[in-house]
């Protein structure tokens, strides 16, 4: 049932009525509104940007630097895939629609990030290298450990979704890897 008491419910973040109208005029959580709007300013579509100069620079890079780049892109694809798949689970206990929208937009941006890495791969790499890019996180022990740690954290919350400690760890996993 749709809440008729949207004003008193909008200040809650967890545990409450989930049927609250999203009100961008509400000043209760103005920080969330500001952050959401700031996030929108960062929106972009990868294919709208020319990689002509990047392609030229790529051809001049030493092999070692190309390998580092491919490892980083492979890691970013793996991590952003985990983020885009699991962030929706973190929205479930949040009843405030404005705060929940922050995770929703971040989830969308993680998907766009993965698309941008694919665009880079498509533009810079050979067919064989493009296929390998999705395995780089598995080949590097440190990258594999970080991806598995993040995946395990999300899975732990999925398996124990009433556990607030698991929720907090998953929420932190979402932002830990942005460093």
Foldseek 3Di string as FASTA:
>chain_A
DADPPQVVPQLAFFDDDQRHDQDLVDPSPVVLSVLLVVLVVVDDAQVVDDCVVVQVVLVVDDPVVVLVVLLVLLLLLLLLVLLLVQLLLLLVRTRNPSNSVVSVSVSVVSVSSNVNSLVVCVRHHDPVSSVCSNCSLVVDVVSVVLSVVLNVLSVVCVVVVVDVVSSVSNVCNSVVVVD
